Amino acid sequence: MSVALTLILVVQMLSALAMIGLILVQHGKGADMGAAFGSGTSGSLFGATGGANFLSRTTAVLAAVFFVCTLLLAYLGNSRPQSSGSVLEGAAVTAPAPVVDSSPAAQIPGNAAPASAPAK
């Protein structure tokens, strides 16, 4: 099961990175307006309008792959068997009991051990 989760996660990451790259390469809607009036080059690798169609369809396919991978990861992540206890119960560590001075002088409030006086 771990191999399947890793494979789905790798496909999701690759589709996300490819989608980011494709979105950054695409022109905005206002970019074609400048090309229509002669300012800028309208010729590109895919022609005047062929690139937008190809890039937008590829982006849509990668988005679908990304969402399917996300749903699969969510489904497979929740289908693990639930543990019966808390995470903190397994990590419970008992601290050693503090040492308590039970002498009569220690029981008087405000009576602290005298600090050594500095030598003059």
N, C-alpha and C. Protein backbone atom coordinates (compact mmCIF):
# COMPACT_ATOMS: atom_id res chain seq x y z
N MET A 1 0.82 -1.19 0.00
CA MET A 1 0.00 0.00 0.00
C MET A 1 0.86 1.25 0.00
N SER A 2 2.02 1.20 0.64
CA SER A 2 2.90 2.35 0.71
C SER A 2 3.46 2.71 -0.68
N VAL A 3 3.70 1.71 -1.52
CA VAL A 3 4.20 1.96 -2.86
C VAL A 3 3.14 2.68 -3.69
N ALA A 4 1.89 2.28 -3.54
CA ALA A 4 0.81 2.93 -4.28
C ALA A 4 0.65 4.38 -3.85
N LEU A 5 0.73 4.64 -2.55
CA LEU A 5 0.62 6.02 -2.07
C LEU A 5 1.78 6.87 -2.59
N THR A 6 2.97 6.30 -2.60
CA THR A 6 4.13 7.03 -3.09
C THR A 6 4.00 7.32 -4.58
N LEU A 7 3.53 6.35 -5.33
CA LEU A 7 3.35 6.53 -6.78
C LEU A 7 2.31 7.60 -7.08
N ILE A 8 1.20 7.57 -6.36
CA ILE A 8 0.15 8.58 -6.56
C ILE A 8 0.66 9.96 -6.17
N LEU A 9 1.45 10.03 -5.10
CA LEU A 9 2.00 11.31 -4.67
C LEU A 9 2.98 11.87 -5.70
N VAL A 10 3.79 11.00 -6.31
CA VAL A 10 4.73 11.45 -7.34
C VAL A 10 3.98 11.96 -8.56
N VAL A 11 2.92 11.25 -8.97
CA VAL A 11 2.12 11.71 -10.12
C VAL A 11 1.47 13.05 -9.80
N GLN A 12 1.00 13.22 -8.58
CA GLN A 12 0.37 14.48 -8.19
C GLN A 12 1.37 15.63 -8.23
N MET A 13 2.56 15.39 -7.71
CA MET A 13 3.59 16.44 -7.71
C MET A 13 4.01 16.81 -9.13
N LEU A 14 4.21 15.81 -9.98
CA LEU A 14 4.60 16.09 -11.36
C LEU A 14 3.51 16.84 -12.12
N SER A 15 2.26 16.45 -11.90
CA SER A 15 1.18 17.17 -12.57
C SER A 15 1.06 18.60 -12.06
N ALA A 16 1.31 18.81 -10.78
CA ALA A 16 1.26 20.17 -10.23
C ALA A 16 2.37 21.04 -10.82
N LEU A 17 3.57 20.50 -10.89
CA LEU A 17 4.68 21.27 -11.45
C LEU A 17 4.46 21.56 -12.94
N ALA A 18 3.97 20.58 -13.69
CA ALA A 18 3.70 20.79 -15.11
C ALA A 18 2.59 21.82 -15.30
N MET A 19 1.58 21.77 -14.43
CA MET A 19 0.49 22.73 -14.52
C MET A 19 0.98 24.15 -14.23
N ILE A 20 1.85 24.29 -13.26
CA ILE A 20 2.42 25.61 -12.95
C ILE A 20 3.19 26.14 -14.15
N GLY A 21 4.01 25.29 -14.74
CA GLY A 21 4.77 25.71 -15.91
C GLY A 21 3.88 26.11 -17.08
N LEU A 22 2.85 25.32 -17.36
CA LEU A 22 1.95 25.64 -18.47
C LEU A 22 1.17 26.93 -18.23
N ILE A 23 0.76 27.15 -17.00
CA ILE A 23 0.01 28.37 -16.70
C ILE A 23 0.90 29.60 -16.85
N LEU A 24 2.17 29.48 -16.47
CA LEU A 24 3.08 30.61 -16.62
C LEU A 24 3.43 30.90 -18.07
N VAL A 25 3.38 29.89 -18.93
CA VAL A 25 3.71 30.07 -20.35
C VAL A 25 2.56 30.71 -21.10
N GLN A 26 1.34 30.48 -20.67
CA GLN A 26 0.16 30.96 -21.41
C GLN A 26 0.06 32.48 -21.37
N HIS A 27 -0.51 33.03 -22.41
CA HIS A 27 -0.75 34.46 -22.48
C HIS A 27 -2.08 34.77 -21.83
N GLY A 28 -2.19 35.99 -21.32
CA GLY A 28 -3.45 36.43 -20.76
C GLY A 28 -4.44 36.79 -21.85
N LYS A 29 -5.66 37.09 -21.46
CA LYS A 29 -6.69 37.43 -22.46
C LYS A 29 -6.38 38.76 -23.13
N GLY A 30 -5.73 39.67 -22.46
CA GLY A 30 -5.42 40.97 -23.03
C GLY A 30 -4.21 40.96 -23.95
N ALA A 31 -3.45 39.88 -23.97
CA ALA A 31 -2.24 39.83 -24.80
C ALA A 31 -2.58 39.75 -26.28
N ASP A 32 -3.70 39.14 -26.63
CA ASP A 32 -4.08 39.02 -28.03
C ASP A 32 -4.55 40.36 -28.60
N MET A 33 -5.00 41.24 -27.76
CA MET A 33 -5.49 42.54 -28.23
C MET A 33 -4.36 43.34 -28.83
N GLY A 34 -3.18 43.31 -28.24
CA GLY A 34 -2.05 44.04 -28.77
C GLY A 34 -1.58 43.47 -30.09
N ALA A 35 -1.64 42.17 -30.24
CA ALA A 35 -1.22 41.54 -31.48
C ALA A 35 -2.19 41.86 -32.62
N ALA A 36 -3.43 42.08 -32.30
CA ALA A 36 -4.42 42.38 -33.34
C ALA A 36 -4.16 43.74 -33.98
N PHE A 37 -3.60 44.69 -33.22
CA PHE A 37 -3.34 46.02 -33.75
C PHE A 37 -1.91 46.18 -34.23
N GLY A 38 -1.14 45.12 -34.29
CA GLY A 38 0.18 45.18 -34.87
C GLY A 38 1.31 45.40 -33.90
N SER A 39 1.05 45.58 -32.63
CA SER A 39 2.14 45.75 -31.67
C SER A 39 2.44 44.41 -31.03
N GLY A 40 3.46 43.79 -31.46
CA GLY A 40 3.82 42.48 -30.94
C GLY A 40 3.73 41.44 -32.02
N THR A 41 4.35 40.34 -31.78
CA THR A 41 4.35 39.27 -32.78
C THR A 41 3.23 38.31 -32.49
N SER A 42 2.46 38.00 -33.49
CA SER A 42 1.37 37.05 -33.30
C SER A 42 1.82 35.64 -33.65
N GLY A 43 2.95 35.49 -34.29
CA GLY A 43 3.44 34.16 -34.65
C GLY A 43 4.12 33.51 -33.46
N SER A 44 3.85 32.28 -33.25
CA SER A 44 4.47 31.55 -32.15
C SER A 44 4.72 30.12 -32.61
N LEU A 45 5.07 29.29 -31.69
CA LEU A 45 5.37 27.90 -32.01
C LEU A 45 4.15 27.18 -32.57
N PHE A 46 2.96 27.49 -32.06
CA PHE A 46 1.75 26.80 -32.48
C PHE A 46 0.90 27.62 -33.44
N GLY A 47 1.39 28.76 -33.89
CA GLY A 47 0.61 29.62 -34.77
C GLY A 47 -0.04 30.74 -33.98
N ALA A 48 -0.92 31.47 -34.62
CA ALA A 48 -1.52 32.64 -33.97
C ALA A 48 -2.46 32.25 -32.83
N THR A 49 -3.31 31.26 -33.03
CA THR A 49 -4.25 30.88 -31.99
C THR A 49 -4.15 29.42 -31.58
N GLY A 50 -3.32 28.65 -32.25
CA GLY A 50 -3.24 27.22 -31.95
C GLY A 50 -2.62 26.92 -30.60
N GLY A 51 -1.72 27.80 -30.14
CA GLY A 51 -1.05 27.55 -28.87
C GLY A 51 -1.98 27.66 -27.68
N ALA A 52 -2.87 28.63 -27.73
CA ALA A 52 -3.78 28.82 -26.61
C ALA A 52 -4.70 27.62 -26.45
N ASN A 53 -5.17 27.08 -27.55
CA ASN A 53 -6.05 25.93 -27.48
C ASN A 53 -5.31 24.70 -26.94
N PHE A 54 -4.11 24.44 -27.44
CA PHE A 54 -3.33 23.29 -26.99
C PHE A 54 -2.93 23.43 -25.52
N LEU A 55 -2.45 24.60 -25.14
CA LEU A 55 -2.00 24.82 -23.76
C LEU A 55 -3.17 24.76 -22.78
N SER A 56 -4.31 25.31 -23.16
CA SER A 56 -5.45 25.29 -22.24
C SER A 56 -6.01 23.88 -22.08
N ARG A 57 -6.01 23.10 -23.16
CA ARG A 57 -6.49 21.71 -23.03
C ARG A 57 -5.53 20.87 -22.21
N THR A 58 -4.23 21.07 -22.41
CA THR A 58 -3.25 20.33 -21.63
C THR A 58 -3.33 20.70 -20.15
N THR A 59 -3.56 21.97 -19.87
CA THR A 59 -3.72 22.42 -18.49
C THR A 59 -4.96 21.78 -17.87
N ALA A 60 -6.03 21.69 -18.62
CA ALA A 60 -7.25 21.07 -18.10
C ALA A 60 -7.05 19.59 -17.81
N VAL A 61 -6.31 18.89 -18.68
CA VAL A 61 -6.04 17.46 -18.44
C VAL A 61 -5.17 17.30 -17.19
N LEU A 62 -4.14 18.14 -17.05
CA LEU A 62 -3.28 18.05 -15.87
C LEU A 62 -4.04 18.40 -14.60
N ALA A 63 -4.97 19.34 -14.68
CA ALA A 63 -5.78 19.68 -13.51
C ALA A 63 -6.66 18.50 -13.11
N ALA A 64 -7.21 17.80 -14.11
CA ALA A 64 -8.03 16.62 -13.80
C ALA A 64 -7.19 15.52 -13.16
N VAL A 65 -5.98 15.30 -13.67
CA VAL A 65 -5.09 14.30 -13.08
C VAL A 65 -4.73 14.69 -11.65
N PHE A 66 -4.48 15.98 -11.42
CA PHE A 66 -4.15 16.47 -10.08
C PHE A 66 -5.30 16.23 -9.11
N PHE A 67 -6.53 16.53 -9.52
CA PHE A 67 -7.69 16.35 -8.64
C PHE A 67 -7.97 14.88 -8.37
N VAL A 68 -7.81 14.03 -9.37
CA VAL A 68 -8.01 12.59 -9.15
C VAL A 68 -6.97 12.05 -8.17
N CYS A 69 -5.73 12.48 -8.32
CA CYS A 69 -4.68 12.05 -7.38
C CYS A 69 -4.97 12.55 -5.98
N THR A 70 -5.47 13.77 -5.86
CA THR A 70 -5.82 14.31 -4.55
C THR A 70 -6.93 13.50 -3.90
N LEU A 71 -7.95 13.16 -4.67
CA LEU A 71 -9.05 12.36 -4.12
C LEU A 71 -8.58 10.96 -3.73
N LEU A 72 -7.72 10.34 -4.54
CA LEU A 72 -7.19 9.02 -4.20
C LEU A 72 -6.35 9.06 -2.93
N LEU A 73 -5.52 10.08 -2.80
CA LEU A 73 -4.70 10.20 -1.59
C LEU A 73 -5.57 10.42 -0.35
N ALA A 74 -6.62 11.19 -0.49
CA ALA A 74 -7.52 11.42 0.65
C ALA A 74 -8.25 10.13 1.02
N TYR A 75 -8.70 9.38 0.02
CA TYR A 75 -9.42 8.14 0.29
C TYR A 75 -8.49 7.10 0.91
N LEU A 76 -7.32 6.93 0.34
CA LEU A 76 -6.39 5.92 0.86
C LEU A 76 -5.79 6.34 2.20
N GLY A 77 -5.68 7.62 2.44
CA GLY A 77 -5.16 8.09 3.73
C GLY A 77 -6.14 7.88 4.86
N ASN A 78 -7.44 7.95 4.57
CA ASN A 78 -8.46 7.75 5.61
C ASN A 78 -8.83 6.29 5.80
N SER A 79 -8.41 5.42 4.91
CA SER A 79 -8.79 4.02 5.04
C SER A 79 -7.83 3.21 5.90
N ARG A 80 -6.88 3.85 6.52
CA ARG A 80 -5.97 3.14 7.42
C ARG A 80 -6.71 2.75 8.69
N PRO A 81 -6.33 1.63 9.31
CA PRO A 81 -6.99 1.25 10.56
C PRO A 81 -6.67 2.25 11.67
N GLN A 82 -7.70 2.56 12.44
CA GLN A 82 -7.54 3.52 13.51
C GLN A 82 -6.95 2.83 14.74
N SER A 83 -6.06 3.50 15.42
CA SER A 83 -5.49 2.94 16.65
C SER A 83 -6.49 3.13 17.78
N SER A 84 -6.37 2.30 18.78
CA SER A 84 -7.34 2.33 19.87
C SER A 84 -7.01 3.37 20.92
N GLY A 85 -5.79 3.85 20.94
CA GLY A 85 -5.40 4.78 22.00
C GLY A 85 -4.89 6.08 21.44
N SER A 86 -4.47 6.91 22.34
CA SER A 86 -3.93 8.21 21.98
C SER A 86 -2.46 8.10 21.64
N VAL A 87 -1.98 9.03 20.87
CA VAL A 87 -0.56 9.06 20.55
C VAL A 87 0.25 9.37 21.80
N LEU A 88 -0.31 10.19 22.66
CA LEU A 88 0.41 10.57 23.87
C LEU A 88 0.52 9.42 24.87
N GLU A 89 -0.38 8.45 24.81
CA GLU A 89 -0.29 7.32 25.73
C GLU A 89 0.94 6.47 25.45
N GLY A 90 1.31 6.36 24.18
CA GLY A 90 2.48 5.57 23.84
C GLY A 90 3.77 6.29 24.20
N ALA A 91 3.74 7.60 24.31
CA ALA A 91 4.94 8.37 24.59
C ALA A 91 4.99 8.85 26.03
N ALA A 92 4.13 8.33 26.89
CA ALA A 92 4.10 8.79 28.28
C ALA A 92 5.36 8.34 29.00
N VAL A 93 6.04 9.31 29.58
CA VAL A 93 7.26 9.05 30.34
C VAL A 93 7.04 9.62 31.73
N THR A 94 7.33 8.84 32.74
CA THR A 94 7.15 9.32 34.10
C THR A 94 8.41 10.04 34.54
N ALA A 95 8.22 11.20 35.13
CA ALA A 95 9.34 11.98 35.64
C ALA A 95 9.67 11.49 37.04
N PRO A 96 10.93 11.56 37.43
CA PRO A 96 11.27 11.14 38.80
C PRO A 96 10.63 12.08 39.81
N ALA A 97 10.27 11.52 40.95
CA ALA A 97 9.63 12.30 42.00
C ALA A 97 10.63 13.31 42.55
N PRO A 98 10.18 14.54 42.83
CA PRO A 98 11.11 15.53 43.37
C PRO A 98 11.52 15.17 44.80
N VAL A 99 12.74 15.51 45.13
CA VAL A 99 13.25 15.25 46.48
C VAL A 99 12.70 16.33 47.40
N VAL A 100 12.04 15.90 48.46
CA VAL A 100 11.42 16.82 49.41
C VAL A 100 12.20 16.77 50.70
N ASP A 101 12.59 17.93 51.18
CA ASP A 101 13.30 18.02 52.46
C ASP A 101 12.26 18.00 53.57
N SER A 102 12.29 16.98 54.42
CA SER A 102 11.27 16.85 55.46
C SER A 102 11.76 17.28 56.83
N SER A 103 12.83 18.02 56.89
CA SER A 103 13.32 18.49 58.19
C SER A 103 12.39 19.57 58.72
N PRO A 104 12.33 19.75 60.01
CA PRO A 104 11.44 20.76 60.59
C PRO A 104 11.75 22.19 60.11
N ALA A 105 13.00 22.50 59.85
CA ALA A 105 13.35 23.84 59.42
C ALA A 105 12.84 24.12 58.01
N ALA A 106 12.73 23.10 57.20
CA ALA A 106 12.27 23.29 55.83
C ALA A 106 10.77 23.51 55.77
N GLN A 107 10.06 23.15 56.82
CA GLN A 107 8.62 23.29 56.83
C GLN A 107 8.15 24.68 57.26
N ILE A 108 9.06 25.52 57.77
CA ILE A 108 8.70 26.87 58.18
C ILE A 108 8.63 27.74 56.92
N PRO A 109 7.51 28.44 56.69
CA PRO A 109 7.40 29.27 55.49
C PRO A 109 8.42 30.42 55.53
N GLY A 110 9.01 30.71 54.38
CA GLY A 110 9.96 31.81 54.25
C GLY A 110 11.35 31.45 54.75
N ASN A 111 11.52 30.25 55.22
CA ASN A 111 12.83 29.84 55.71
C ASN A 111 13.57 29.15 54.57
N ALA A 112 14.48 29.86 53.98
CA ALA A 112 15.26 29.29 52.91
C ALA A 112 16.65 28.98 53.44
N ALA A 113 17.34 28.17 52.72
CA ALA A 113 18.71 27.85 53.15
C ALA A 113 19.53 29.12 53.06
N PRO A 114 20.30 29.42 54.09
CA PRO A 114 21.08 30.66 54.07
C PRO A 114 22.15 30.59 52.99
N ALA A 115 22.27 31.68 52.26
CA ALA A 115 23.30 31.78 51.24
C ALA A 115 24.63 32.08 51.89
N SER A 116 25.66 31.58 51.34
CA SER A 116 26.97 31.82 51.92
C SER A 116 27.33 33.28 51.73
N ALA A 117 27.74 33.93 52.77
CA ALA A 117 28.07 35.34 52.73
C ALA A 117 29.41 35.53 52.03
N PRO A 118 29.51 36.57 51.23
CA PRO A 118 30.79 36.79 50.55
C PRO A 118 31.88 37.18 51.55
N ALA A 119 33.06 36.71 51.32
CA ALA A 119 34.18 36.98 52.22
C ALA A 119 34.66 38.40 51.98
N LYS A 120 34.94 39.15 53.10
CA LYS A 120 35.42 40.53 52.98
C LYS A 120 36.86 40.60 53.35
